[in-house]
Protein backbone atom coordinates (compact mmCIF):
# COMPACT_ATOMS: atom_id res chain seq x y z
CA MET A 1 -21.33 -11.52 6.54
CA ILE A 2 -18.19 -10.09 5.78
CA ALA A 3 -15.08 -11.64 5.45
CA LEU A 4 -11.33 -9.91 5.79
CA VAL A 5 -8.92 -12.05 3.98
CA ASP A 6 -5.52 -11.34 5.20
CA CYS A 7 -2.06 -12.44 3.79
CA ASN A 8 0.38 -13.55 6.61
CA ASN A 9 3.29 -11.58 6.43
CA PHE A 10 2.70 -10.90 2.89
CA TYR A 11 6.19 -9.48 1.36
CA VAL A 12 8.18 -12.48 3.10
CA SER A 13 5.54 -15.03 1.69
CA CYS A 14 6.06 -13.75 -1.45
CA GLU A 15 9.64 -14.48 -1.39
CA ARG A 16 9.12 -17.62 -0.45
CA VAL A 17 6.98 -18.82 -2.99
CA PHE A 18 9.95 -18.92 -5.33
CA ARG A 19 12.29 -19.40 -2.96
CA PRO A 20 11.07 -22.40 -0.84
CA TRP A 21 14.67 -22.62 0.84
CA LEU A 22 13.58 -19.52 2.87
CA ARG A 23 10.80 -21.44 4.61
CA LYS A 24 11.33 -21.88 8.37
CA ARG A 25 14.39 -19.25 7.99
CA PRO A 26 14.03 -15.96 9.36
CA VAL A 27 13.57 -13.13 6.75
CA VAL A 28 13.30 -9.54 6.46
CA VAL A 29 12.35 -7.33 3.86
CA LEU A 30 13.78 -3.62 3.39
CA SER A 31 12.21 -0.43 2.22
CA SER A 32 13.17 1.24 -0.89
CA ASN A 33 16.74 1.82 -1.39
CA ASP A 34 17.59 -0.66 1.21
CA GLY A 35 16.89 1.43 4.39
CA CYS A 36 14.27 0.17 6.82
CA VAL A 37 12.77 -2.92 7.62
CA ILE A 38 8.87 -3.08 6.36
CA ALA A 39 8.17 -6.88 6.54
CA ARG A 40 9.54 -9.88 8.91
CA SER A 41 8.35 -13.59 9.35
CA GLN A 42 7.61 -14.64 12.39
CA GLU A 43 11.16 -15.89 12.95
CA ALA A 44 12.65 -12.64 12.47
CA LYS A 45 10.06 -11.12 15.04
CA ASN A 46 11.22 -13.57 17.69
CA ALA A 47 14.62 -13.13 17.18
CA GLY A 48 13.89 -9.13 17.95
CA ILE A 49 13.75 -7.41 14.78
CA ALA A 50 11.41 -4.54 15.10
CA MET A 51 8.99 -2.87 12.50
CA GLY A 52 10.79 -0.08 10.72
CA VAL A 53 13.98 -0.23 12.19
CA PRO A 54 16.92 0.96 10.13
CA ILE A 55 18.82 -1.65 8.75
CA HIS A 56 22.12 -0.59 10.26
CA LYS A 57 21.05 -0.74 13.45
CA VAL A 58 20.22 -4.31 13.43
CA THR A 59 23.34 -5.95 11.62
CA GLU A 60 24.64 -7.96 14.97
CA LEU A 61 21.17 -9.61 15.31
CA ILE A 62 21.40 -10.17 11.27
CA HIS A 63 24.23 -12.11 11.81
CA GLN A 64 23.49 -13.76 14.86
CA TYR A 65 20.47 -15.47 13.60
CA ASP A 66 21.46 -15.78 10.06
CA ILE A 67 18.69 -13.77 8.89
CA GLN A 68 17.90 -13.40 5.20
CA VAL A 69 17.78 -10.03 3.84
CA CYS A 70 15.77 -8.91 0.85
CA SER A 71 15.39 -5.83 -1.04
CA ALA A 72 11.70 -4.81 -1.65
CA ASN A 73 10.18 -6.55 -4.78
CA PHE A 74 7.09 -4.35 -5.43
CA THR A 75 6.35 -5.73 -8.63
CA LEU A 76 6.58 -8.96 -7.92
CA TYR A 77 4.10 -8.13 -5.01
CA ALA A 78 1.60 -6.58 -6.85
CA ASP A 79 1.44 -9.16 -9.12
CA MET A 80 0.96 -11.84 -6.35
CA SER A 81 -1.91 -9.43 -4.93
CA ARG A 82 -3.85 -9.71 -8.32
CA ARG A 83 -3.53 -13.29 -8.15
CA VAL A 84 -4.98 -13.09 -4.60
CA TYR A 85 -7.70 -10.99 -5.47
CA ASP A 86 -8.38 -13.17 -8.98
CA ALA A 87 -9.07 -16.32 -6.31
CA LEU A 88 -11.35 -14.18 -4.06
CA ARG A 89 -13.58 -13.02 -6.98
CA GLN A 90 -14.57 -17.20 -7.38
CA TYR A 91 -16.40 -16.80 -3.94
CA SER A 92 -17.59 -13.55 -4.12
CA GLU A 93 -18.83 -10.46 -6.74
CA GLN A 94 -18.59 -7.65 -3.59
CA VAL A 95 -14.64 -7.66 -3.25
CA GLU A 96 -12.76 -4.48 -1.70
CA VAL A 97 -9.10 -4.09 -2.19
CA TYR A 98 -8.61 -2.73 1.35
CA SER A 99 -4.29 -2.82 0.81
CA ILE A 100 -1.98 -4.97 -1.15
CA ASP A 101 -2.82 -7.94 1.47
CA GLU A 102 -6.21 -7.54 2.80
CA SER A 103 -9.14 -7.43 0.86
CA PHE A 104 -12.79 -7.39 2.29
CA LEU A 105 -15.77 -9.84 0.75
CA GLU A 106 -19.70 -10.27 1.44
CA LEU A 107 -20.80 -13.60 1.77
CA ILE A 108 -24.03 -15.19 2.53
CA GLY A 109 -25.00 -18.45 4.56
CA SER A 110 -25.04 -19.87 8.14
CA LYS A 111 -22.42 -19.70 10.32
CA ASP A 112 -20.81 -23.47 9.69
CA LEU A 113 -21.22 -22.84 6.14
CA LEU A 114 -19.39 -19.69 6.25
CA ARG A 115 -16.48 -21.51 8.22
CA ASP A 116 -16.25 -24.01 5.52
CA THR A 117 -16.14 -21.34 2.56
CA ALA A 118 -13.54 -19.62 4.54
CA THR A 119 -11.64 -22.83 5.22
CA ASN A 120 -12.12 -23.24 1.43
CA ILE A 121 -10.85 -19.62 0.00
CA ARG A 122 -7.82 -20.27 2.11
CA ASN A 123 -7.08 -23.45 0.55
CA THR A 124 -7.72 -22.04 -2.98
CA ILE A 125 -5.54 -19.29 -2.36
CA LEU A 126 -2.64 -21.21 -1.13
CA GLN A 127 -3.11 -23.71 -4.23
CA TRP A 128 -3.18 -20.84 -6.57
CA THR A 129 -0.31 -18.74 -5.42
CA ASP A 130 0.94 -20.56 -2.38
CA ILE A 131 0.35 -17.50 -0.09
CA PRO A 132 -0.93 -18.33 3.25
CA THR A 133 -3.77 -16.19 4.64
CA CYS A 134 -6.27 -15.72 7.91
CA VAL A 135 -10.15 -15.25 7.20
CA GLY A 136 -11.93 -13.24 9.90
CA LEU A 137 -15.89 -12.95 9.37
CA GLY A 138 -18.26 -10.75 11.29
CA SER A 139 -21.40 -8.85 10.44
CA THR A 140 -19.67 -5.91 10.01
CA LYS A 141 -16.41 -4.86 8.83
CA THR A 142 -14.73 -4.01 12.54
CA LEU A 143 -16.10 -7.30 13.70
CA ALA A 144 -14.46 -9.10 10.48
CA LYS A 145 -11.18 -7.32 11.33
CA ILE A 146 -11.09 -8.62 15.02
CA GLY A 147 -12.12 -12.23 13.74
CA ASN A 148 -9.31 -11.88 11.76
CA ARG A 149 -6.75 -10.89 14.23
CA ILE A 150 -8.08 -14.04 16.76
CA ALA A 151 -7.44 -16.13 13.62
CA LYS A 152 -4.02 -14.96 13.37
CA MET A 153 -3.15 -14.92 17.18
CA ASN A 154 -4.20 -18.36 18.02
CA SER A 155 -2.94 -21.37 15.88
CA ILE A 156 -6.00 -23.31 17.56
CA TYR A 157 -8.64 -21.63 14.76
CA LYS A 158 -6.87 -22.74 11.73
CA GLY A 159 -6.73 -19.39 10.41
CA VAL A 160 -10.37 -18.75 10.81
CA TYR A 161 -12.83 -17.48 13.05
CA VAL A 162 -16.21 -16.18 12.86
CA VAL A 163 -17.50 -13.14 15.45
CA ASP A 164 -21.15 -13.92 16.12
CA ASP A 165 -23.77 -12.55 18.09
CA ASN A 166 -22.49 -13.93 20.82
CA ASN A 167 -19.28 -12.45 21.04
CA ASP A 168 -18.36 -11.16 24.37
CA ASP A 169 -15.63 -13.38 25.18
CA ALA A 170 -14.12 -12.43 21.76
CA LEU A 171 -14.26 -8.65 22.14
CA GLN A 172 -13.09 -8.89 25.28
CA SER A 173 -9.74 -10.45 24.04
CA ILE A 174 -8.76 -7.41 22.12
CA ALA A 175 -7.22 -4.27 23.47
CA VAL A 176 -8.65 -1.21 22.54
CA GLU A 177 -5.47 0.10 20.61
CA ASP A 178 -6.20 -3.06 18.42
CA ILE A 179 -8.96 -2.14 17.27
CA TRP A 180 -9.35 -1.09 13.40
CA GLY A 181 -8.95 2.75 13.01
CA ILE A 182 -8.10 3.51 16.88
CA GLY A 183 -4.82 5.31 17.31
CA ARG A 184 -2.17 5.42 19.79
CA GLN A 185 -3.80 8.96 21.49
CA TRP A 186 -7.04 7.69 21.07
CA ALA A 187 -6.42 4.68 22.78
CA LYS A 188 -4.74 6.67 25.62
CA LYS A 189 -7.76 8.92 25.80
CA LEU A 190 -10.39 5.85 25.80
CA LYS A 191 -8.64 3.95 28.58
CA SER A 192 -8.90 7.04 30.72
CA TYR A 193 -12.64 6.52 30.56
CA GLY A 194 -12.19 3.40 31.45
CA ILE A 195 -12.50 1.72 27.83
CA VAL A 196 -10.02 -0.43 27.49
CA ASN A 197 -10.79 -3.38 25.31
CA ALA A 198 -13.42 -4.15 22.47
CA LEU A 199 -16.42 -4.93 24.74
CA ALA A 200 -16.17 -1.95 26.81
CA LEU A 201 -15.69 0.13 23.78
CA LYS A 202 -19.23 -1.90 22.60
CA ASN A 203 -20.90 -1.18 25.63
CA ALA A 204 -20.04 2.71 25.64
CA ASP A 205 -22.62 5.47 26.02
CA ASP A 206 -23.07 7.29 22.76
CA LYS A 207 -23.49 10.52 24.31
CA LEU A 208 -19.74 10.07 25.77
CA LEU A 209 -18.33 8.91 22.87
CA ARG A 210 -20.12 11.78 20.71
CA GLN A 211 -19.15 14.61 22.85
CA LYS A 212 -15.70 13.43 23.94
CA PHE A 213 -14.52 12.18 20.52
CA ASN A 214 -16.57 12.28 17.61
CA VAL A 215 -19.03 10.50 15.03
CA VAL A 216 -15.88 8.26 13.35
CA LEU A 217 -15.36 6.55 16.88
CA LEU A 218 -19.15 6.13 17.32
CA ARG A 219 -19.37 4.57 14.45
CA THR A 220 -16.83 2.10 15.03
CA ALA A 221 -18.91 1.64 18.50
CA THR A 222 -22.07 0.68 16.77
CA GLU A 223 -20.28 -1.86 14.10
CA LEU A 224 -19.05 -3.44 17.30
CA ARG A 225 -22.89 -3.68 18.21
CA GLY A 226 -23.27 -5.70 14.71
CA THR A 227 -24.61 -2.86 12.88
CA PRO A 228 -22.94 -2.03 9.41
CA CYS A 229 -21.89 1.47 9.07
CA ILE A 230 -19.29 0.78 6.12
CA SER A 231 -20.19 -1.25 3.20
CA VAL A 232 -18.22 -3.37 1.13
CA ALA A 233 -17.84 -1.56 -2.47
CA ASP A 234 -16.56 -3.67 -5.73
CA VAL A 235 -15.04 -0.06 -6.81
CA ASN A 236 -12.69 1.64 -4.52
CA PRO A 237 -13.25 5.28 -4.30
CA PRO A 238 -10.51 7.46 -6.25
CA ASN A 239 -7.49 8.66 -4.39
CA LYS A 240 -7.87 12.26 -3.48
CA THR A 241 -4.27 12.39 -3.98
CA ILE A 242 -1.14 10.62 -5.61
CA ILE A 243 2.36 10.53 -4.83
CA ALA A 244 5.30 9.10 -6.46
CA THR A 245 8.54 9.32 -4.81
CA SER A 246 11.93 7.61 -4.31
CA SER A 247 15.13 7.88 -2.42
CA PHE A 248 18.26 7.70 -4.93
CA GLY A 249 20.78 5.02 -4.97
CA ASN A 250 23.39 7.56 -5.38
CA TYR A 251 23.87 11.37 -4.38
CA LEU A 252 22.23 13.47 -7.23
CA THR A 253 23.89 17.16 -7.97
CA GLN A 254 23.14 18.19 -11.52
CA LYS A 255 19.71 19.56 -12.22
CA HIS A 256 19.44 17.29 -15.36
CA GLU A 257 19.56 14.24 -13.03
CA LEU A 258 16.56 15.56 -10.73
CA GLU A 259 15.06 16.33 -13.83
CA GLN A 260 14.78 12.41 -15.08
CA SER A 261 13.69 11.16 -11.83
CA ILE A 262 11.02 13.75 -11.35
CA THR A 263 10.06 13.14 -15.09
CA SER A 264 9.59 9.44 -14.12
CA PHE A 265 7.68 10.20 -10.97
CA THR A 266 5.42 12.20 -12.70
CA SER A 267 4.64 9.79 -15.94
CA ARG A 268 4.12 7.20 -12.77
CA ALA A 269 1.29 9.54 -11.09
CA ALA A 270 -0.21 10.14 -14.32
CA GLU A 271 -0.62 6.69 -15.04
CA LYS A 272 -2.19 6.24 -11.99
CA LEU A 273 -4.31 9.15 -12.34
CA ARG A 274 -5.55 8.02 -15.43
CA ARG A 275 -5.88 4.44 -14.10
CA GLN A 276 -8.71 5.75 -11.54
CA GLU A 277 -10.32 8.19 -14.35
CA SER A 278 -9.42 11.27 -12.87
CA ILE A 279 -7.69 14.36 -13.85
CA ALA A 280 -5.50 16.74 -11.51
CA LEU A 281 -5.46 20.66 -11.22
CA HIS A 282 -2.48 20.89 -9.05
CA LEU A 283 1.13 19.42 -8.87
CA SER A 284 3.69 19.42 -6.09
CA VAL A 285 7.66 18.79 -6.37
CA PHE A 286 10.09 18.52 -3.51
CA ILE A 287 13.58 18.10 -3.40
CA ARG A 288 15.79 17.39 -0.48
CA THR A 289 19.11 15.98 0.74
CA ASN A 290 20.01 13.39 2.81
CA MET A 291 19.09 14.56 6.26
CA PHE A 292 20.86 11.75 8.13
CA ASN A 293 24.00 12.71 6.78
CA LYS A 294 25.34 15.58 9.45
CA ASN A 295 28.49 15.93 7.49
CA LEU A 296 26.57 17.78 4.14
CA GLU A 297 24.66 20.61 3.77
CA GLN A 298 21.10 20.45 4.42
CA TYR A 299 18.59 21.76 2.00
CA SER A 300 14.97 20.97 1.30
CA ALA A 301 12.56 22.61 -0.76
CA GLY A 302 9.07 22.00 -2.81
CA THR A 303 6.44 23.99 -4.76
CA THR A 304 2.80 23.51 -6.10
CA ILE A 305 2.16 24.47 -9.90
CA THR A 306 -1.40 25.16 -10.50
CA MET A 307 -2.70 23.55 -13.93
CA ASP A 308 -4.17 25.88 -16.44
CA ALA A 309 -6.98 23.05 -16.69
CA ALA A 310 -7.31 19.82 -14.78
CA THR A 311 -5.59 17.14 -16.69
CA ALA A 312 -4.24 13.48 -17.04
CA TYR A 313 -2.02 14.06 -20.10
CA THR A 314 1.56 13.22 -18.99
CA PRO A 315 3.21 15.78 -21.16
CA THR A 316 1.71 18.58 -19.57
CA LEU A 317 1.94 17.35 -15.77
CA VAL A 318 5.71 16.88 -17.02
CA ASP A 319 6.13 20.24 -18.09
CA ALA A 320 4.89 21.48 -14.90
CA ALA A 321 6.92 19.57 -12.83
CA ARG A 322 9.91 20.58 -14.87
CA LYS A 323 9.11 24.09 -14.14
CA GLY A 324 8.45 23.58 -10.26
CA LEU A 325 11.90 21.71 -10.57
CA ASP A 326 13.68 25.09 -12.25
CA ARG A 327 12.04 27.23 -8.94
CA ILE A 328 13.14 24.88 -6.29
CA PHE A 329 17.00 23.69 -7.47
CA ARG A 330 19.82 25.47 -6.20
CA GLU A 331 23.33 24.00 -6.99
CA GLY A 332 25.85 23.03 -4.67
CA TYR A 333 23.82 20.49 -3.05
CA TYR A 334 23.96 16.53 -2.68
CA TYR A 335 20.26 15.70 -3.30
CA LYS A 336 19.17 12.09 -2.08
CA LYS A 337 15.24 11.94 -2.79
CA ALA A 338 12.49 13.86 -4.94
CA GLY A 339 9.10 13.52 -5.47
CA VAL A 340 5.84 14.22 -7.32
CA VAL A 341 1.91 14.96 -5.52
CA LEU A 342 -1.05 15.46 -7.81
CA SER A 343 -3.95 16.82 -5.91
CA MET A 344 -7.33 18.74 -6.39
CA ILE A 345 -8.00 15.56 -7.99
CA ILE A 346 -11.73 15.41 -9.89
CA PRO A 347 -13.40 12.72 -12.18
CA GLN A 348 -12.38 12.89 -15.78
CA THR A 349 -15.77 13.24 -16.39
CA VAL A 350 -15.95 16.91 -14.89
CA LYS A 351 -13.85 18.87 -17.51
CA GLN A 352 -13.74 22.74 -17.54
CA GLN A 353 -11.65 24.51 -19.92
CA GLY A 354 -9.37 27.43 -18.79
CA LEU A 355 -10.27 31.01 -19.36
CA PHE A 356 -7.01 31.49 -21.87
CA TYR A 357 -6.63 27.72 -22.36
CA ALA A 358 -8.37 25.38 -24.52
CA VAL A 359 -7.58 21.73 -24.17
CA ASP A 360 -8.37 19.13 -26.59
CA TYR A 361 -9.35 16.02 -24.19
CA ASN A 362 -10.15 13.84 -27.05
CA LYS A 363 -6.66 14.12 -28.44
CA GLU A 364 -4.91 14.04 -25.30
CA GLN A 365 -7.01 10.63 -23.86
CA GLY A 366 -6.60 9.20 -27.37
CA ALA A 367 -2.43 9.40 -27.11
CA MET A 368 -2.15 8.27 -23.79
CA LYS A 369 -4.46 5.52 -24.22
CA ALA A 370 -2.32 4.46 -26.79
CA MET A 371 0.75 4.81 -24.55
CA ASP A 372 -0.60 3.09 -21.75
CA ARG A 373 -1.98 0.11 -23.88
CA ILE A 374 1.67 -0.14 -25.22
CA ASN A 375 3.30 -0.11 -21.80
CA LEU A 376 0.83 -2.77 -20.70
CA LYS A 377 1.41 -5.24 -23.50
CA TYR A 378 5.23 -4.67 -23.97
CA GLY A 379 6.60 -3.61 -20.33
CA LYS A 380 6.54 -0.61 -18.24
CA GLY A 381 9.05 2.15 -19.52
CA THR A 382 8.46 1.11 -23.63
CA LEU A 383 7.11 4.36 -24.13
CA LYS A 384 8.42 7.44 -21.95
CA ILE A 385 9.00 10.69 -21.96
CA GLY A 386 12.37 11.53 -23.40
CA THR A 387 13.72 13.88 -20.37
CA ALA A 388 12.99 10.26 -18.49
CA GLY A 389 16.65 9.62 -20.12
CA THR A 390 17.48 6.23 -21.00
CA LYS A 391 19.45 4.98 -17.87
CA ARG A 392 17.84 5.31 -14.61
CA ILE A 393 21.23 6.78 -12.61
CA TRP A 394 18.48 8.06 -9.71
CA SER A 395 17.46 4.47 -9.44
CA PRO A 396 17.37 3.48 -5.31
CA LYS A 397 19.65 0.56 -4.13
CA LEU A 398 17.93 -2.76 -4.81
CA GLU A 399 21.00 -4.69 -3.75
CA LYS A 400 19.23 -7.84 -2.71
CA ARG A 401 16.14 -7.67 -4.90
CA SER A 402 14.48 -10.95 -6.12
CA PRO A 403 13.68 -11.90 -9.89
CA LEU A 404 10.71 -10.62 -11.06
CA PHE A 405 9.72 -14.47 -11.36
CA THR A 406 5.79 -13.61 -12.75
CA THR A 407 6.29 -10.21 -14.44
CA LYS A 408 9.70 -10.87 -16.64
CA TYR A 409 10.01 -13.38 -19.48
CA GLU A 410 13.74 -13.49 -18.81
CA ASP A 411 13.05 -14.16 -14.94
CA ILE A 412 10.76 -16.97 -15.33
CA LEU A 413 11.87 -20.34 -13.58
CA VAL A 414 13.01 -22.89 -15.63
CA VAL A 415 11.96 -26.47 -14.46
CA LYS A 416 14.06 -29.00 -15.89
CA ALA A 417 12.83 -32.68 -16.00
């Protein structure tokens, strides 16, 4: 059986771990630069706060219901996610991190035994991290997703639901648009053929699905019938593109200011590239003004640089990013956002020298391993490229961010007895 473990309202739950007075209170977490709502407690949902709504549009609701507003603290969330993963590894060697708050894992046993195991998983995660979870189990990933949704929707199941062979009632309760991997357009088209829920999709004609849709939807229907089409892998597939971007807390007008942000974004993307043991051939840079400020003149531009040879060497990537910025920068504008995208990503074992450019891969890898090791031991940014600057004048607004309780020594809670 496959289990899907999903952390409930994860970002909010992380905030509540170290600030217990937020429990039972409506809480929202904002996106980078304190722009939009990206997470809500159940109390905030009940108050009418929609997902993704700009914060300035719900100020009345925030005051009316005394909603606690938190800036995103992604460093804390990532560390808490790692702790949840460590707890899951106690129960299975086959664990796939699907997202920061969801993981699939393979379990073996009877239905009753698996239900007990899932309950133990929830209790272990709660004891180790104080993060509440729900667990769905099924013979496929899609059925596990459905089980998780049912467990989350109905408190009578106490956070655990097993979708077994006699699952028609469970599938009938799930609308077609709520099935994993089915978007709004597909749901609309499926309904036009009378396929309105998961049970109808399970029983749909394969020929119809293949002709009117594609093999991906047919695979979903097959999984609903209990035949696995998507396995749980210990190692996630490497990203095909890596993006590092952010809105700025203040407007930037000078090229050297943008250069600092571009350098930092490129360094972050290069670190992710090395982490998945890959190298990239293309690097894209983009900059833009604030499209929501109609009082300012607008400008947006981007460009792509092709490296002489695929690389994960930060200085080479930063040099390419700076060349890209030189191409697209225009004076006289108030810039609000920039970013870097790495593409044409291949495994680092597939190395090919350029026709007129030789790369000492061993020397570059040695330097980057040393840099990554030092930054891991002494903190992010201990070693960095000089053009990143000493002050992050471009940093996004995080006016209501909680302390880094688990990753920064100065922010560790002190208990006095």
